[in-house]
């Protein structure tokens, strides 16, 4: 298992992971047409914009690409593991790697209905900061920050 930096040669692999994982995680509460828009080509454009705006994107490989994460300063985003590869420690591996890349206290935002992510982050020493932002009328995003030991 290894984590590599995403570049123009491997970014489409990262986009495929992002697409499949994003679609799966949003399918239960987003309109199907909206979910289908997030195909690999769409997510490729999204990831290229992230790179242009100063994010570093990393991809975890275990014989093949299984997960990605992006980091900018102390903000961790886009932590996605392929649905069929979840609950095998890959998310933890990516999160710990991303935390080590952060400058300052690692923070991240998750959708309030993402109980699996919340469980992982709490287990790894993150806590809710109390900051929230509305994504839709019925859904907020919640900020988590890594607690100091």
C-alpha atoms as a PDB file:
ATOM      1  CA  UNK A   1       0.000   0.000   0.000  1.00  0.00           C
ATOM      2  CA  UNK A   2       1.323   3.448  -0.872  1.00  0.00           C
ATOM      3  CA  UNK A   3       0.130   7.023  -1.220  1.00  0.00           C
ATOM      4  CA  UNK A   4       1.260   9.066  -4.206  1.00  0.00           C
ATOM      5  CA  UNK A   5       0.700  12.646  -5.273  1.00  0.00           C
ATOM      6  CA  UNK A   6      -1.840  13.139  -8.048  1.00  0.00           C
ATOM      7  CA  UNK A   7      -0.494  14.755 -11.222  1.00  0.00           C
ATOM      8  CA  UNK A   8      -1.583  15.086 -14.854  1.00  0.00           C
ATOM      9  CA  UNK A   9      -0.534  11.489 -15.589  1.00  0.00           C
ATOM     10  CA  UNK A  10      -2.747   9.841 -12.954  1.00  0.00           C
ATOM     11  CA  UNK A  11      -5.460  12.430 -12.325  1.00  0.00           C
ATOM     12  CA  UNK A  12      -8.095  10.517 -14.316  1.00  0.00           C
ATOM     13  CA  UNK A  13      -7.703   7.572 -11.908  1.00  0.00           C
ATOM     14  CA  UNK A  14      -8.338  10.002  -9.044  1.00  0.00           C
ATOM     15  CA  UNK A  15     -11.362  11.421 -10.896  1.00  0.00           C
ATOM     16  CA  UNK A  16     -12.842   7.924 -11.293  1.00  0.00           C
ATOM     17  CA  UNK A  17     -12.490   7.257  -7.553  1.00  0.00           C
ATOM     18  CA  UNK A  18     -14.016  10.653  -6.772  1.00  0.00           C
ATOM     19  CA  UNK A  19     -16.923  10.064  -9.166  1.00  0.00           C
ATOM     20  CA  UNK A  20     -17.877   6.559  -8.017  1.00  0.00           C
ATOM     21  CA  UNK A  21     -17.519   7.422  -4.328  1.00  0.00           C
ATOM     22  CA  UNK A  22     -19.281  10.787  -4.548  1.00  0.00           C
ATOM     23  CA  UNK A  23     -22.202   9.301  -6.476  1.00  0.00           C
ATOM     24  CA  UNK A  24     -22.589   6.493  -3.957  1.00  0.00           C
ATOM     25  CA  UNK A  25     -22.420   8.809  -0.931  1.00  0.00           C
ATOM     26  CA  UNK A  26     -24.919  11.331  -2.351  1.00  0.00           C
ATOM     27  CA  UNK A  27     -27.397   9.007  -4.079  1.00  0.00           C
ATOM     28  CA  UNK A  28     -29.729   8.682  -1.093  1.00  0.00           C
ATOM     29  CA  UNK A  29     -30.461  12.415  -0.771  1.00  0.00           C
ATOM     30  CA  UNK A  30     -29.769  14.006  -4.190  1.00  0.00           C
ATOM     31  CA  UNK A  31     -31.833  13.913  -7.358  1.00  0.00           C
ATOM     32  CA  UNK A  32     -30.645  11.165  -9.703  1.00  0.00           C
ATOM     33  CA  UNK A  33     -29.931  13.632 -12.541  1.00  0.00           C
ATOM     34  CA  UNK A  34     -27.653  15.639 -10.223  1.00  0.00           C
ATOM     35  CA  UNK A  35     -25.818  12.500  -9.075  1.00  0.00           C
ATOM     36  CA  UNK A  36     -25.286  11.359 -12.675  1.00  0.00           C
ATOM     37  CA  UNK A  37     -23.687  14.726 -13.565  1.00  0.00           C
ATOM     38  CA  UNK A  38     -20.760  13.788 -11.317  1.00  0.00           C
ATOM     39  CA  UNK A  39     -19.201  11.407 -13.836  1.00  0.00           C
ATOM     40  CA  UNK A  40     -15.412  10.932 -14.108  1.00  0.00           C
ATOM     41  CA  UNK A  41     -15.072  13.686 -16.734  1.00  0.00           C
ATOM     42  CA  UNK A  42     -16.922  16.180 -14.494  1.00  0.00           C
ATOM     43  CA  UNK A  43     -14.845  15.209 -11.463  1.00  0.00           C
ATOM     44  CA  UNK A  44     -11.658  15.504 -13.547  1.00  0.00           C
ATOM     45  CA  UNK A  45     -12.494  19.185 -14.141  1.00  0.00           C
ATOM     46  CA  UNK A  46     -13.235  19.592 -10.418  1.00  0.00           C
ATOM     47  CA  UNK A  47      -9.872  18.060  -9.416  1.00  0.00           C
ATOM     48  CA  UNK A  48      -7.965  20.122 -11.997  1.00  0.00           C
ATOM     49  CA  UNK A  49      -9.503  23.276 -10.471  1.00  0.00           C
ATOM     50  CA  UNK A  50      -8.449  22.101  -6.995  1.00  0.00           C
ATOM     51  CA  UNK A  51      -4.852  21.685  -8.196  1.00  0.00           C
ATOM     52  CA  UNK A  52      -4.904  25.148  -9.803  1.00  0.00           C
ATOM     53  CA  UNK A  53      -6.129  26.690  -6.532  1.00  0.00           C
ATOM     54  CA  UNK A  54      -3.226  25.276  -4.523  1.00  0.00           C
ATOM     55  CA  UNK A  55      -4.554  21.969  -3.197  1.00  0.00           C
ATOM     56  CA  UNK A  56      -2.356  18.904  -3.200  1.00  0.00           C
ATOM     57  CA  UNK A  57      -4.258  15.726  -4.060  1.00  0.00           C
ATOM     58  CA  UNK A  58      -3.067  12.302  -2.983  1.00  0.00           C
ATOM     59  CA  UNK A  59      -4.148   8.830  -4.074  1.00  0.00           C
ATOM     60  CA  UNK A  60      -3.845   5.596  -2.133  1.00  0.00           C
ATOM     61  CA  UNK A  61      -2.828   2.555  -4.153  1.00  0.00           C
ATOM     62  CA  UNK A  62      -3.141  -1.062  -3.077  1.00  0.00           C
ATOM     63  CA  UNK A  63      -2.364  -2.905  -6.331  1.00  0.00           C
ATOM     64  CA  UNK A  64      -4.824  -0.413  -7.846  1.00  0.00           C
ATOM     65  CA  UNK A  65      -6.121   3.062  -6.897  1.00  0.00           C
ATOM     66  CA  UNK A  66      -8.648   2.836  -4.033  1.00  0.00           C
ATOM     67  CA  UNK A  67      -8.912   6.278  -2.446  1.00  0.00           C
ATOM     68  CA  UNK A  68      -8.064   9.976  -2.628  1.00  0.00           C
ATOM     69  CA  UNK A  69      -7.744  13.005  -0.353  1.00  0.00           C
ATOM     70  CA  UNK A  70      -6.888  16.668  -0.915  1.00  0.00           C
ATOM     71  CA  UNK A  71      -5.087  19.063   1.436  1.00  0.00           C
ATOM     72  CA  UNK A  72      -4.552  22.825   1.421  1.00  0.00           C
ATOM     73  CA  UNK A  73      -2.861  24.388   4.452  1.00  0.00           C
ATOM     74  CA  UNK A  74      -4.896  22.893   7.344  1.00  0.00           C
ATOM     75  CA  UNK A  75      -8.018  21.936   5.367  1.00  0.00           C
ATOM     76  CA  UNK A  76      -8.654  18.307   4.441  1.00  0.00           C
ATOM     77  CA  UNK A  77     -11.199  17.669   1.681  1.00  0.00           C
ATOM     78  CA  UNK A  78     -12.265  15.036  -0.830  1.00  0.00           C
ATOM     79  CA  UNK A  79     -11.515  12.011   1.354  1.00  0.00           C
ATOM     80  CA  UNK A  80     -13.096   9.263  -0.728  1.00  0.00           C
ATOM     81  CA  UNK A  81     -12.561   5.509  -0.788  1.00  0.00           C
ATOM     82  CA  UNK A  82     -14.220   3.316  -3.404  1.00  0.00           C
ATOM     83  CA  UNK A  83     -17.445   1.894  -1.918  1.00  0.00           C
ATOM     84  CA  UNK A  84     -16.351  -1.733  -2.373  1.00  0.00           C
ATOM     85  CA  UNK A  85     -13.033  -0.973  -0.608  1.00  0.00           C
ATOM     86  CA  UNK A  86     -14.426   0.741   2.493  1.00  0.00           C
ATOM     87  CA  UNK A  87     -14.010  -0.603   6.043  1.00  0.00           C
ATOM     88  CA  UNK A  88     -10.523  -1.932   5.260  1.00  0.00           C
ATOM     89  CA  UNK A  89      -8.464   0.856   6.848  1.00  0.00           C
ATOM     90  CA  UNK A  90      -7.894   2.891   3.673  1.00  0.00           C
ATOM     91  CA  UNK A  91      -9.845   5.921   4.922  1.00  0.00           C
ATOM     92  CA  UNK A  92      -7.871   5.907   8.166  1.00  0.00           C
ATOM     93  CA  UNK A  93      -4.615   5.652   6.222  1.00  0.00           C
ATOM     94  CA  UNK A  94      -5.554   8.606   4.001  1.00  0.00           C
ATOM     95  CA  UNK A  95      -6.785  10.688   6.954  1.00  0.00           C
ATOM     96  CA  UNK A  96      -3.599  10.159   8.957  1.00  0.00           C
ATOM     97  CA  UNK A  97      -1.502  10.965   5.879  1.00  0.00           C
ATOM     98  CA  UNK A  98      -3.528  14.144   5.236  1.00  0.00           C
ATOM     99  CA  UNK A  99      -3.216  15.253   8.865  1.00  0.00           C
ATOM    100  CA  UNK A 100       0.569  14.951   8.608  1.00  0.00           C
ATOM    101  CA  UNK A 101       0.483  17.214   5.524  1.00  0.00           C
ATOM    102  CA  UNK A 102      -1.543  19.940   7.285  1.00  0.00           C
ATOM    103  CA  UNK A 103      -0.035  23.185   8.512  1.00  0.00           C
ATOM    104  CA  UNK A 104      -1.645  23.887  11.871  1.00  0.00           C
ATOM    105  CA  UNK A 105      -4.738  22.169  13.267  1.00  0.00           C
ATOM    106  CA  UNK A 106      -6.298  19.813  10.684  1.00  0.00           C
ATOM    107  CA  UNK A 107      -9.914  20.718   9.915  1.00  0.00           C
ATOM    108  CA  UNK A 108     -12.535  19.289   7.597  1.00  0.00           C
ATOM    109  CA  UNK A 109     -16.206  19.630   6.759  1.00  0.00           C
ATOM    110  CA  UNK A 110     -18.691  16.790   6.350  1.00  0.00           C
ATOM    111  CA  UNK A 111     -22.355  16.577   5.513  1.00  0.00           C
ATOM    112  CA  UNK A 112     -24.329  16.185   8.736  1.00  0.00           C
ATOM    113  CA  UNK A 113     -25.919  12.962   7.426  1.00  0.00           C
ATOM    114  CA  UNK A 114     -22.556  11.263   6.799  1.00  0.00           C
ATOM    115  CA  UNK A 115     -22.513   9.132   9.943  1.00  0.00           C
ATOM    116  CA  UNK A 116     -19.735   6.816   8.728  1.00  0.00           C
ATOM    117  CA  UNK A 117     -17.359   9.723   8.144  1.00  0.00           C
ATOM    118  CA  UNK A 118     -18.277  11.307  11.488  1.00  0.00           C
ATOM    119  CA  UNK A 119     -17.542   8.014  13.261  1.00  0.00           C
ATOM    120  CA  UNK A 120     -14.114   7.755  11.575  1.00  0.00           C
ATOM    121  CA  UNK A 121     -13.176  11.360  12.368  1.00  0.00           C
ATOM    122  CA  UNK A 122     -14.239  11.108  16.017  1.00  0.00           C
ATOM    123  CA  UNK A 123     -12.293   7.859  16.381  1.00  0.00           C
ATOM    124  CA  UNK A 124      -9.211   9.615  14.978  1.00  0.00           C
ATOM    125  CA  UNK A 125      -9.380  12.514  17.461  1.00  0.00           C
ATOM    126  CA  UNK A 126     -11.554  15.042  15.621  1.00  0.00           C
ATOM    127  CA  UNK A 127     -14.432  16.893  17.276  1.00  0.00           C
ATOM    128  CA  UNK A 128     -17.178  19.177  16.029  1.00  0.00           C
ATOM    129  CA  UNK A 129     -16.222  22.852  16.289  1.00  0.00           C
ATOM    130  CA  UNK A 130     -19.809  24.103  16.367  1.00  0.00           C
ATOM    131  CA  UNK A 131     -19.462  25.773  12.964  1.00  0.00           C
ATOM    132  CA  UNK A 132     -22.074  24.793  10.380  1.00  0.00           C
ATOM    133  CA  UNK A 133     -22.999  25.948   6.913  1.00  0.00           C
ATOM    134  CA  UNK A 134     -26.199  25.275   5.032  1.00  0.00           C
ATOM    135  CA  UNK A 135     -25.797  23.226   1.857  1.00  0.00           C
ATOM    136  CA  UNK A 136     -29.498  22.987   1.082  1.00  0.00           C
ATOM    137  CA  UNK A 137     -32.676  23.924   2.920  1.00  0.00           C
ATOM    138  CA  UNK A 138     -32.564  20.612   4.794  1.00  0.00           C
ATOM    139  CA  UNK A 139     -28.858  19.774   4.952  1.00  0.00           C
ATOM    140  CA  UNK A 140     -25.891  21.358   6.717  1.00  0.00           C
ATOM    141  CA  UNK A 141     -22.200  20.771   6.570  1.00  0.00           C
ATOM    142  CA  UNK A 142     -20.430  20.462   9.945  1.00  0.00           C
ATOM    143  CA  UNK A 143     -16.844  21.457  10.685  1.00  0.00           C
ATOM    144  CA  UNK A 144     -14.556  19.076  12.587  1.00  0.00           C
ATOM    145  CA  UNK A 145     -11.086  19.877  13.918  1.00  0.00           C
ATOM    146  CA  UNK A 146      -8.436  17.571  15.317  1.00  0.00           C
ATOM    147  CA  UNK A 147      -8.214  17.978  19.060  1.00  0.00           C
ATOM    148  CA  UNK A 148      -4.842  18.676  20.628  1.00  0.00           C
ATOM    149  CA  UNK A 149      -3.535  15.835  22.760  1.00  0.00           C
END
